[in-house]
Amino acid sequence: MKVLLDIQNNKAVHLMEVLKSLPYVKAKTISGEKALLIEEIKESVENLNLVKQGKLKARPAKDLLNEL
């Protein structure tokens, strides 16, 4: 299982020490930009799934390209 945590900087060092001390946990830090990218990709996949289920209306790619 993978978990992404958002922790205050002043508390993160202590929690990372605790996590790394557990033999069954692999913990590493990522940059804020990478965390944001992960969240945006996750949101995009959720939106795509809603479109496939018919719960969200999609927009043609041609319209998107015309805006660029």
N, C-alpha and C. Protein backbone atom coordinates (compact mmCIF):
# COMPACT_ATOMS: atom_id res chain seq x y z
N MET A 1 0.84 -1.17 0.00
CA MET A 1 0.00 0.00 0.00
C MET A 1 0.89 1.24 0.00
N LYS A 2 0.50 2.22 -0.77
CA LYS A 2 1.23 3.48 -0.81
C LYS A 2 0.35 4.57 -0.21
N VAL A 3 0.98 5.45 0.56
CA VAL A 3 0.26 6.53 1.23
C VAL A 3 1.02 7.82 1.00
N LEU A 4 0.31 8.87 0.64
CA LEU A 4 0.91 10.19 0.48
C LEU A 4 0.42 11.06 1.63
N LEU A 5 1.34 11.56 2.42
CA LEU A 5 0.99 12.38 3.59
C LEU A 5 1.42 13.81 3.37
N ASP A 6 0.65 14.75 3.90
CA ASP A 6 1.01 16.16 3.87
C ASP A 6 1.25 16.56 5.33
N ILE A 7 2.51 16.82 5.67
CA ILE A 7 2.90 17.05 7.07
C ILE A 7 3.58 18.40 7.19
N GLN A 8 3.30 19.11 8.26
CA GLN A 8 3.97 20.38 8.52
C GLN A 8 5.47 20.14 8.61
N ASN A 9 6.26 21.07 8.05
CA ASN A 9 7.71 20.90 8.01
C ASN A 9 8.32 20.68 9.39
N ASN A 10 7.83 21.38 10.39
CA ASN A 10 8.43 21.26 11.72
C ASN A 10 8.11 19.91 12.39
N LYS A 11 7.17 19.16 11.86
CA LYS A 11 6.81 17.85 12.41
C LYS A 11 7.32 16.70 11.52
N ALA A 12 7.68 17.00 10.30
CA ALA A 12 8.00 15.95 9.33
C ALA A 12 9.25 15.17 9.69
N VAL A 13 10.27 15.85 10.17
CA VAL A 13 11.54 15.17 10.47
C VAL A 13 11.33 14.07 11.50
N HIS A 14 10.61 14.38 12.55
CA HIS A 14 10.36 13.38 13.61
C HIS A 14 9.56 12.20 13.07
N LEU A 15 8.50 12.49 12.32
CA LEU A 15 7.67 11.40 11.80
C LEU A 15 8.46 10.53 10.82
N MET A 16 9.29 11.15 9.98
CA MET A 16 10.10 10.36 9.04
C MET A 16 11.06 9.44 9.78
N GLU A 17 11.63 9.90 10.88
CA GLU A 17 12.51 9.05 11.69
C GLU A 17 11.75 7.84 12.22
N VAL A 18 10.53 8.08 12.69
CA VAL A 18 9.71 6.98 13.21
C VAL A 18 9.38 5.99 12.10
N LEU A 19 8.96 6.50 10.95
CA LEU A 19 8.59 5.62 9.84
C LEU A 19 9.79 4.80 9.35
N LYS A 20 10.94 5.45 9.23
CA LYS A 20 12.12 4.75 8.75
C LYS A 20 12.63 3.71 9.74
N SER A 21 12.28 3.85 11.01
CA SER A 21 12.71 2.89 12.02
C SER A 21 11.90 1.59 11.97
N LEU A 22 10.77 1.62 11.30
CA LEU A 22 9.93 0.43 11.18
C LEU A 22 10.45 -0.43 10.03
N PRO A 23 10.75 -1.71 10.30
CA PRO A 23 11.36 -2.56 9.27
C PRO A 23 10.44 -2.84 8.08
N TYR A 24 9.14 -2.71 8.24
CA TYR A 24 8.19 -3.02 7.18
C TYR A 24 7.72 -1.79 6.41
N VAL A 25 8.35 -0.64 6.66
CA VAL A 25 7.97 0.61 5.99
C VAL A 25 9.16 1.16 5.21
N LYS A 26 8.92 1.50 3.95
CA LYS A 26 9.91 2.20 3.15
C LYS A 26 9.39 3.62 2.99
N ALA A 27 10.11 4.59 3.52
CA ALA A 27 9.66 5.98 3.49
C ALA A 27 10.69 6.85 2.78
N LYS A 28 10.20 7.74 1.92
CA LYS A 28 11.08 8.71 1.28
C LYS A 28 10.31 10.00 1.10
N THR A 29 11.02 11.10 1.05
CA THR A 29 10.37 12.40 0.87
C THR A 29 10.32 12.73 -0.62
N ILE A 30 9.32 13.52 -0.99
CA ILE A 30 9.20 14.01 -2.36
C ILE A 30 9.00 15.52 -2.29
N SER A 31 9.29 16.18 -3.38
CA SER A 31 9.15 17.64 -3.42
C SER A 31 7.66 18.02 -3.46
N GLY A 32 7.40 19.25 -3.12
CA GLY A 32 6.03 19.75 -3.18
C GLY A 32 5.49 19.74 -4.60
N GLU A 33 6.36 20.02 -5.57
CA GLU A 33 5.94 20.01 -6.96
C GLU A 33 5.54 18.61 -7.41
N LYS A 34 6.31 17.62 -6.98
CA LYS A 34 5.99 16.23 -7.35
C LYS A 34 4.68 15.80 -6.69
N ALA A 35 4.47 16.19 -5.45
CA ALA A 35 3.23 15.85 -4.75
C ALA A 35 2.04 16.49 -5.47
N LEU A 36 2.20 17.74 -5.91
CA LEU A 36 1.14 18.43 -6.63
C LEU A 36 0.84 17.72 -7.95
N LEU A 37 1.89 17.32 -8.66
CA LEU A 37 1.72 16.60 -9.92
C LEU A 37 0.95 15.30 -9.69
N ILE A 38 1.29 14.58 -8.65
CA ILE A 38 0.60 13.32 -8.34
C ILE A 38 -0.89 13.59 -8.09
N GLU A 39 -1.19 14.63 -7.33
CA GLU A 39 -2.58 14.96 -7.04
C GLU A 39 -3.33 15.36 -8.31
N GLU A 40 -2.70 16.12 -9.19
CA GLU A 40 -3.34 16.54 -10.44
C GLU A 40 -3.60 15.35 -11.36
N ILE A 41 -2.66 14.44 -11.43
CA ILE A 41 -2.85 13.24 -12.25
C ILE A 41 -3.98 12.39 -11.68
N LYS A 42 -4.02 12.26 -10.37
CA LYS A 42 -5.08 11.49 -9.72
C LYS A 42 -6.45 12.11 -10.04
N GLU A 43 -6.54 13.43 -9.95
CA GLU A 43 -7.79 14.11 -10.25
C GLU A 43 -8.19 13.91 -11.72
N SER A 44 -7.22 13.95 -12.61
CA SER A 44 -7.49 13.73 -14.04
C SER A 44 -8.04 12.34 -14.30
N VAL A 45 -7.45 11.35 -13.65
CA VAL A 45 -7.93 9.97 -13.82
C VAL A 45 -9.35 9.83 -13.27
N GLU A 46 -9.62 10.46 -12.14
CA GLU A 46 -10.97 10.41 -11.57
C GLU A 46 -11.98 11.05 -12.52
N ASN A 47 -11.60 12.20 -13.12
CA ASN A 47 -12.49 12.86 -14.08
C ASN A 47 -12.72 11.99 -15.30
N LEU A 48 -11.67 11.35 -15.79
CA LEU A 48 -11.81 10.46 -16.94
C LEU A 48 -12.76 9.32 -16.63
N ASN A 49 -12.66 8.76 -15.45
CA ASN A 49 -13.57 7.69 -15.05
C ASN A 49 -15.02 8.18 -14.97
N LEU A 50 -15.22 9.42 -14.51
CA LEU A 50 -16.57 9.99 -14.46
C LEU A 50 -17.12 10.19 -15.87
N VAL A 51 -16.26 10.60 -16.81
CA VAL A 51 -16.69 10.75 -18.20
C VAL A 51 -17.10 9.40 -18.76
N LYS A 52 -16.31 8.37 -18.50
CA LYS A 52 -16.62 7.03 -19.01
C LYS A 52 -17.94 6.52 -18.44
N GLN A 53 -18.27 6.92 -17.20
CA GLN A 53 -19.51 6.50 -16.56
C GLN A 53 -20.69 7.36 -16.98
N GLY A 54 -20.41 8.43 -17.73
CA GLY A 54 -21.48 9.32 -18.18
C GLY A 54 -21.90 10.33 -17.13
N LYS A 55 -21.15 10.48 -16.07
CA LYS A 55 -21.48 11.41 -14.99
C LYS A 55 -20.86 12.79 -15.18
N LEU A 56 -19.96 12.90 -16.17
CA LEU A 56 -19.30 14.17 -16.45
C LEU A 56 -19.19 14.29 -17.97
N LYS A 57 -19.48 15.49 -18.47
CA LYS A 57 -19.45 15.69 -19.91
C LYS A 57 -18.04 16.03 -20.37
N ALA A 58 -17.59 15.34 -21.40
CA ALA A 58 -16.25 15.58 -21.96
C ALA A 58 -16.32 16.67 -23.02
N ARG A 59 -15.18 17.19 -23.34
CA ARG A 59 -15.07 18.23 -24.35
C ARG A 59 -14.18 17.67 -25.47
N PRO A 60 -14.54 17.89 -26.71
CA PRO A 60 -13.73 17.36 -27.81
C PRO A 60 -12.30 17.90 -27.78
N ALA A 61 -11.35 17.03 -28.10
CA ALA A 61 -9.94 17.43 -28.11
C ALA A 61 -9.69 18.52 -29.14
N LYS A 62 -10.43 18.50 -30.23
CA LYS A 62 -10.28 19.52 -31.27
C LYS A 62 -10.55 20.92 -30.70
N ASP A 63 -11.57 21.05 -29.85
CA ASP A 63 -11.88 22.34 -29.22
C ASP A 63 -10.73 22.78 -28.32
N LEU A 64 -10.18 21.85 -27.59
CA LEU A 64 -9.06 22.16 -26.71
C LEU A 64 -7.85 22.64 -27.51
N LEU A 65 -7.54 21.95 -28.59
CA LEU A 65 -6.41 22.33 -29.43
C LEU A 65 -6.62 23.69 -30.09
N ASN A 66 -7.86 23.99 -30.44
CA ASN A 66 -8.15 25.29 -31.05
C ASN A 66 -7.91 26.44 -30.07
N GLU A 67 -8.07 26.18 -28.79
CA GLU A 67 -7.82 27.22 -27.78
C GLU A 67 -6.34 27.52 -27.66
N LEU A 68 -5.50 26.54 -27.96
CA LEU A 68 -4.06 26.75 -27.85
C LEU A 68 -3.58 27.58 -29.00
